[in-house]
Amino acid sequence: MYIPLFFTLIRIPLAATLYYTQPVFHVPICIAAIISDILDGWAARKWNQTSAVGGALDPLCDKIFAWSILSLLFKDGTLSLFSACGLLLRDLLLFLYALLYLMKGKSFSNIPWGSLFWGKIITTIQMYSIVHLLLGFPLHETYHFTVLGIASTAFAIELHKIAFPPSKKKPYGQAELVK
């Protein structure tokens, strides 16, 4: 097994342990998941072990872990439904773009998969918010969602440029110059 894939897959058992441990262990488990997320990409690039499987599993394991911790925070009343939805906004945007992409008759195999700058920013905000809540600090929703909204908008624009690149056709009314 590739080392980066190990770092990716470790987030699944870490997510499962959240449900069977005392809340005092949730912060260290969350930090371990964050470190594994950093290490999998670093190791894949350092040892040239990138793969399509790893590229697909990394965001899936990220989401499994994030959804697990968010469901626990929601269940114990630490996180409001509004906040949970806000933290999952990027995932909703990805899902909607995937549906739109398929409805346009396009294939997922044509998308240049990889991490996006604004996706990394949103992940950082999500993880910061989760650790912040786990440590018992309140979430200031107005400020938090303004920042998350701006980052999600930038992410949607970045995703749109990749999924639907501008056509090479001339705009209507522009004639081709004849020599």
Foldseek 3Di string as FASTA:
>chain_A
DQPLVVLQVVLLVLLVVVVVDDLVCNLVSLVSNVVSLVVSVVSCVVVVPDDPVSLVSNVVSLVSNLVSLLVVCVVVPLAPPVRSCLLCVLVVLVVVLVVVLVVVVHDPVQFPGDDDPLNVVSSVLSSVVSSCSSVPHHDPVVVSSVVSVVSSVVVSVVVCCRSPPDDPDDPPPDDDDDD
